[in-house]
């Protein structure tokens, strides 16, 4: 694994976990399920929405990391250093 891949994996875990937790808690605090079927439906829906949100945050985080790496490489390339 490259340093960029490791950074992406760590960022994905942190951001994805936080996003999932926030979505799950929002749903939990704004629903009042009656009975086992409703509780199961809320639990499943919160999981699915949490995973969707975590996936979207992964794509966003990965794109930001890719842009940062590209800028860093551009700034530290030999051509750039010799023109300064």
N, C-alpha and C. Protein backbone atom coordinates (compact mmCIF):
# COMPACT_ATOMS: atom_id res chain seq x y z
N UNK A 1 0.85 -1.19 0.00
CA UNK A 1 0.00 0.00 0.00
C UNK A 1 0.89 1.25 0.00
N UNK A 2 0.47 2.22 -0.79
CA UNK A 2 1.20 3.48 -0.81
C UNK A 2 0.76 4.36 0.36
N UNK A 3 1.51 5.41 0.59
CA UNK A 3 1.15 6.35 1.66
C UNK A 3 -0.21 6.98 1.38
N UNK A 4 -0.48 7.26 0.12
CA UNK A 4 -1.77 7.85 -0.24
C UNK A 4 -2.91 6.88 0.04
N UNK A 5 -2.72 5.61 -0.29
CA UNK A 5 -3.76 4.60 -0.03
C UNK A 5 -4.00 4.43 1.47
N UNK A 6 -2.92 4.46 2.25
CA UNK A 6 -3.06 4.34 3.70
C UNK A 6 -3.80 5.54 4.26
N UNK A 7 -3.44 6.73 3.79
CA UNK A 7 -4.12 7.95 4.22
C UNK A 7 -5.60 7.90 3.87
N UNK A 8 -5.91 7.46 2.66
CA UNK A 8 -7.31 7.34 2.24
C UNK A 8 -8.06 6.34 3.12
N UNK A 9 -7.43 5.23 3.44
CA UNK A 9 -8.09 4.21 4.27
C UNK A 9 -8.39 4.75 5.65
N UNK A 10 -7.43 5.45 6.24
CA UNK A 10 -7.64 6.02 7.57
C UNK A 10 -8.73 7.09 7.52
N UNK A 11 -8.65 7.98 6.53
CA UNK A 11 -9.66 9.05 6.40
C UNK A 11 -11.03 8.46 6.15
N UNK A 12 -11.10 7.44 5.32
CA UNK A 12 -12.39 6.79 5.04
C UNK A 12 -12.98 6.19 6.30
N UNK A 13 -12.15 5.53 7.10
CA UNK A 13 -12.64 4.93 8.34
C UNK A 13 -13.17 6.00 9.30
N UNK A 14 -12.39 7.05 9.50
CA UNK A 14 -12.78 8.09 10.46
C UNK A 14 -14.03 8.83 9.98
N UNK A 15 -13.99 9.31 8.75
CA UNK A 15 -15.12 10.10 8.22
C UNK A 15 -16.35 9.22 8.05
N UNK A 16 -16.16 8.01 7.54
CA UNK A 16 -17.28 7.10 7.34
C UNK A 16 -17.95 6.70 8.64
N UNK A 17 -17.14 6.41 9.66
CA UNK A 17 -17.70 6.04 10.97
C UNK A 17 -18.47 7.20 11.59
N UNK A 18 -17.89 8.38 11.51
CA UNK A 18 -18.57 9.56 12.06
C UNK A 18 -19.87 9.85 11.31
N UNK A 19 -19.83 9.77 10.00
CA UNK A 19 -21.03 10.03 9.20
C UNK A 19 -22.12 9.02 9.51
N UNK A 20 -21.74 7.75 9.56
CA UNK A 20 -22.71 6.70 9.88
C UNK A 20 -23.34 6.93 11.25
N UNK A 21 -22.52 7.27 12.23
CA UNK A 21 -23.02 7.49 13.59
C UNK A 21 -23.99 8.66 13.64
N UNK A 22 -23.66 9.75 12.97
CA UNK A 22 -24.53 10.93 12.97
C UNK A 22 -25.87 10.59 12.33
N UNK A 23 -25.85 9.93 11.18
CA UNK A 23 -27.10 9.57 10.49
C UNK A 23 -27.93 8.64 11.36
N UNK A 24 -27.28 7.65 11.94
CA UNK A 24 -27.99 6.69 12.80
C UNK A 24 -28.65 7.39 13.99
N UNK A 25 -27.93 8.30 14.62
CA UNK A 25 -28.47 9.01 15.78
C UNK A 25 -29.60 9.96 15.39
N UNK A 26 -29.49 10.60 14.25
CA UNK A 26 -30.58 11.48 13.78
C UNK A 26 -31.85 10.67 13.60
N UNK A 27 -31.74 9.52 12.96
CA UNK A 27 -32.92 8.68 12.74
C UNK A 27 -33.45 8.16 14.08
N UNK A 28 -32.55 7.70 14.93
CA UNK A 28 -32.96 7.16 16.24
C UNK A 28 -33.70 8.21 17.07
N UNK A 29 -33.21 9.44 17.05
CA UNK A 29 -33.80 10.50 17.87
C UNK A 29 -35.07 11.10 17.28
N UNK A 30 -35.36 10.79 16.03
CA UNK A 30 -36.54 11.38 15.38
C UNK A 30 -37.60 10.35 15.00
N UNK A 31 -37.47 9.15 15.52
CA UNK A 31 -38.48 8.12 15.26
C UNK A 31 -38.91 7.51 16.58
N UNK A 32 -40.13 7.01 16.58
CA UNK A 32 -40.66 6.31 17.76
C UNK A 32 -41.39 5.07 17.26
N UNK A 33 -40.61 4.03 16.92
CA UNK A 33 -41.24 2.85 16.34
C UNK A 33 -42.09 2.08 17.36
N UNK A 34 -43.20 1.58 16.88
CA UNK A 34 -44.09 0.74 17.69
C UNK A 34 -43.95 -0.70 17.21
N UNK A 35 -43.59 -1.56 18.09
CA UNK A 35 -43.50 -2.99 17.76
C UNK A 35 -42.18 -3.39 17.14
N UNK A 36 -42.02 -4.68 17.03
CA UNK A 36 -40.78 -5.26 16.53
C UNK A 36 -40.56 -4.94 15.06
N UNK A 37 -41.60 -5.01 14.25
CA UNK A 37 -41.46 -4.76 12.81
C UNK A 37 -41.01 -3.32 12.56
N UNK A 38 -41.62 -2.36 13.25
CA UNK A 38 -41.22 -0.96 13.09
C UNK A 38 -39.78 -0.73 13.56
N UNK A 39 -39.42 -1.35 14.68
CA UNK A 39 -38.05 -1.21 15.18
C UNK A 39 -37.04 -1.78 14.19
N UNK A 40 -37.38 -2.92 13.62
CA UNK A 40 -36.49 -3.54 12.62
C UNK A 40 -36.39 -2.65 11.38
N UNK A 41 -37.52 -2.09 10.94
CA UNK A 41 -37.51 -1.22 9.76
C UNK A 41 -36.65 0.02 10.00
N UNK A 42 -36.77 0.63 11.17
CA UNK A 42 -35.97 1.81 11.50
C UNK A 42 -34.49 1.44 11.58
N UNK A 43 -34.19 0.30 12.17
CA UNK A 43 -32.80 -0.13 12.29
C UNK A 43 -32.20 -0.38 10.90
N UNK A 44 -32.93 -1.06 10.04
CA UNK A 44 -32.45 -1.35 8.69
C UNK A 44 -32.29 -0.06 7.90
N UNK A 45 -33.29 0.81 7.97
CA UNK A 45 -33.22 2.07 7.24
C UNK A 45 -32.06 2.94 7.71
N UNK A 46 -31.84 2.99 9.02
CA UNK A 46 -30.73 3.79 9.53
C UNK A 46 -29.40 3.22 9.08
N UNK A 47 -29.28 1.91 9.04
CA UNK A 47 -28.05 1.28 8.55
C UNK A 47 -27.82 1.62 7.08
N UNK A 48 -28.86 1.44 6.26
CA UNK A 48 -28.73 1.70 4.82
C UNK A 48 -28.38 3.16 4.56
N UNK A 49 -29.10 4.07 5.19
CA UNK A 49 -28.81 5.49 4.99
C UNK A 49 -27.43 5.87 5.52
N UNK A 50 -27.03 5.27 6.62
CA UNK A 50 -25.70 5.52 7.15
C UNK A 50 -24.61 5.06 6.20
N UNK A 51 -24.80 3.90 5.61
CA UNK A 51 -23.82 3.37 4.65
C UNK A 51 -23.78 4.24 3.39
N UNK A 52 -24.94 4.67 2.91
CA UNK A 52 -24.98 5.56 1.74
C UNK A 52 -24.25 6.86 2.03
N UNK A 53 -24.51 7.45 3.18
CA UNK A 53 -23.84 8.70 3.55
C UNK A 53 -22.34 8.48 3.72
N UNK A 54 -21.95 7.38 4.32
CA UNK A 54 -20.53 7.08 4.50
C UNK A 54 -19.84 6.89 3.16
N UNK A 55 -20.52 6.24 2.22
CA UNK A 55 -19.96 6.04 0.88
C UNK A 55 -19.77 7.37 0.17
N UNK A 56 -20.75 8.24 0.28
CA UNK A 56 -20.64 9.56 -0.35
C UNK A 56 -19.50 10.36 0.28
N UNK A 57 -19.36 10.27 1.58
CA UNK A 57 -18.27 11.00 2.25
C UNK A 57 -16.92 10.43 1.86
N UNK A 58 -16.84 9.12 1.60
CA UNK A 58 -15.59 8.50 1.14
C UNK A 58 -15.19 9.07 -0.21
N UNK A 59 -16.14 9.17 -1.12
CA UNK A 59 -15.83 9.72 -2.45
C UNK A 59 -15.33 11.16 -2.32
N UNK A 60 -15.98 11.95 -1.48
CA UNK A 60 -15.58 13.34 -1.30
C UNK A 60 -14.19 13.41 -0.69
N UNK A 61 -13.95 12.63 0.37
CA UNK A 61 -12.66 12.63 1.04
C UNK A 61 -11.55 12.17 0.09
N UNK A 62 -11.80 11.10 -0.66
CA UNK A 62 -10.79 10.61 -1.61
C UNK A 62 -10.44 11.67 -2.65
N UNK A 63 -11.44 12.39 -3.14
CA UNK A 63 -11.15 13.42 -4.15
C UNK A 63 -10.33 14.55 -3.56
N UNK A 64 -10.60 14.92 -2.31
CA UNK A 64 -9.81 15.98 -1.66
C UNK A 64 -8.37 15.52 -1.44
N UNK A 65 -8.18 14.28 -1.04
CA UNK A 65 -6.83 13.75 -0.84
C UNK A 65 -6.10 13.70 -2.17
N UNK A 66 -6.77 13.24 -3.24
CA UNK A 66 -6.15 13.19 -4.56
C UNK A 66 -5.70 14.58 -5.03
N UNK A 67 -6.54 15.59 -4.80
CA UNK A 67 -6.18 16.96 -5.18
C UNK A 67 -4.98 17.45 -4.38
N UNK A 68 -4.97 17.15 -3.09
CA UNK A 68 -3.86 17.56 -2.23
C UNK A 68 -2.56 16.90 -2.67
N UNK A 69 -2.61 15.61 -2.98
CA UNK A 69 -1.42 14.88 -3.43
C UNK A 69 -0.93 15.45 -4.76
N UNK A 70 -1.84 15.73 -5.67
CA UNK A 70 -1.46 16.29 -6.97
C UNK A 70 -0.78 17.64 -6.80
N UNK A 71 -1.32 18.48 -5.95
CA UNK A 71 -0.71 19.79 -5.69
C UNK A 71 0.65 19.63 -5.04
N UNK A 72 0.76 18.71 -4.08
CA UNK A 72 2.03 18.49 -3.41
C UNK A 72 3.09 18.02 -4.40
N UNK A 73 2.71 17.09 -5.27
CA UNK A 73 3.67 16.60 -6.28
C UNK A 73 4.08 17.70 -7.24
N UNK A 74 3.11 18.54 -7.58
CA UNK A 74 3.42 19.65 -8.48
C UNK A 74 4.39 20.63 -7.81
N UNK A 75 4.16 20.91 -6.55
CA UNK A 75 5.02 21.85 -5.83
C UNK A 75 6.42 21.30 -5.56
N UNK A 76 6.52 20.00 -5.42
CA UNK A 76 7.80 19.41 -5.07
C UNK A 76 8.52 18.76 -6.26
N UNK A 77 7.97 18.91 -7.45
CA UNK A 77 8.62 18.30 -8.61
C UNK A 77 9.93 19.03 -8.90
N UNK A 78 10.86 18.36 -9.52
CA UNK A 78 12.16 18.94 -9.81
C UNK A 78 12.05 20.15 -10.74
N UNK A 79 11.15 20.08 -11.69
CA UNK A 79 10.97 21.22 -12.61
C UNK A 79 10.54 22.47 -11.86
N UNK A 80 9.63 22.31 -10.93
CA UNK A 80 9.14 23.46 -10.16
C UNK A 80 10.24 24.01 -9.27
N UNK A 81 11.05 23.13 -8.68
CA UNK A 81 12.09 23.58 -7.75
C UNK A 81 13.21 24.35 -8.47
N UNK A 82 13.47 23.98 -9.73
CA UNK A 82 14.55 24.65 -10.45
C UNK A 82 14.12 26.00 -11.02
N UNK A 83 12.83 26.24 -11.13
CA UNK A 83 12.36 27.52 -11.68
C UNK A 83 12.16 28.58 -10.62
N UNK A 84 12.28 28.19 -9.36
CA UNK A 84 12.05 29.16 -8.27
C UNK A 84 13.26 30.01 -8.05
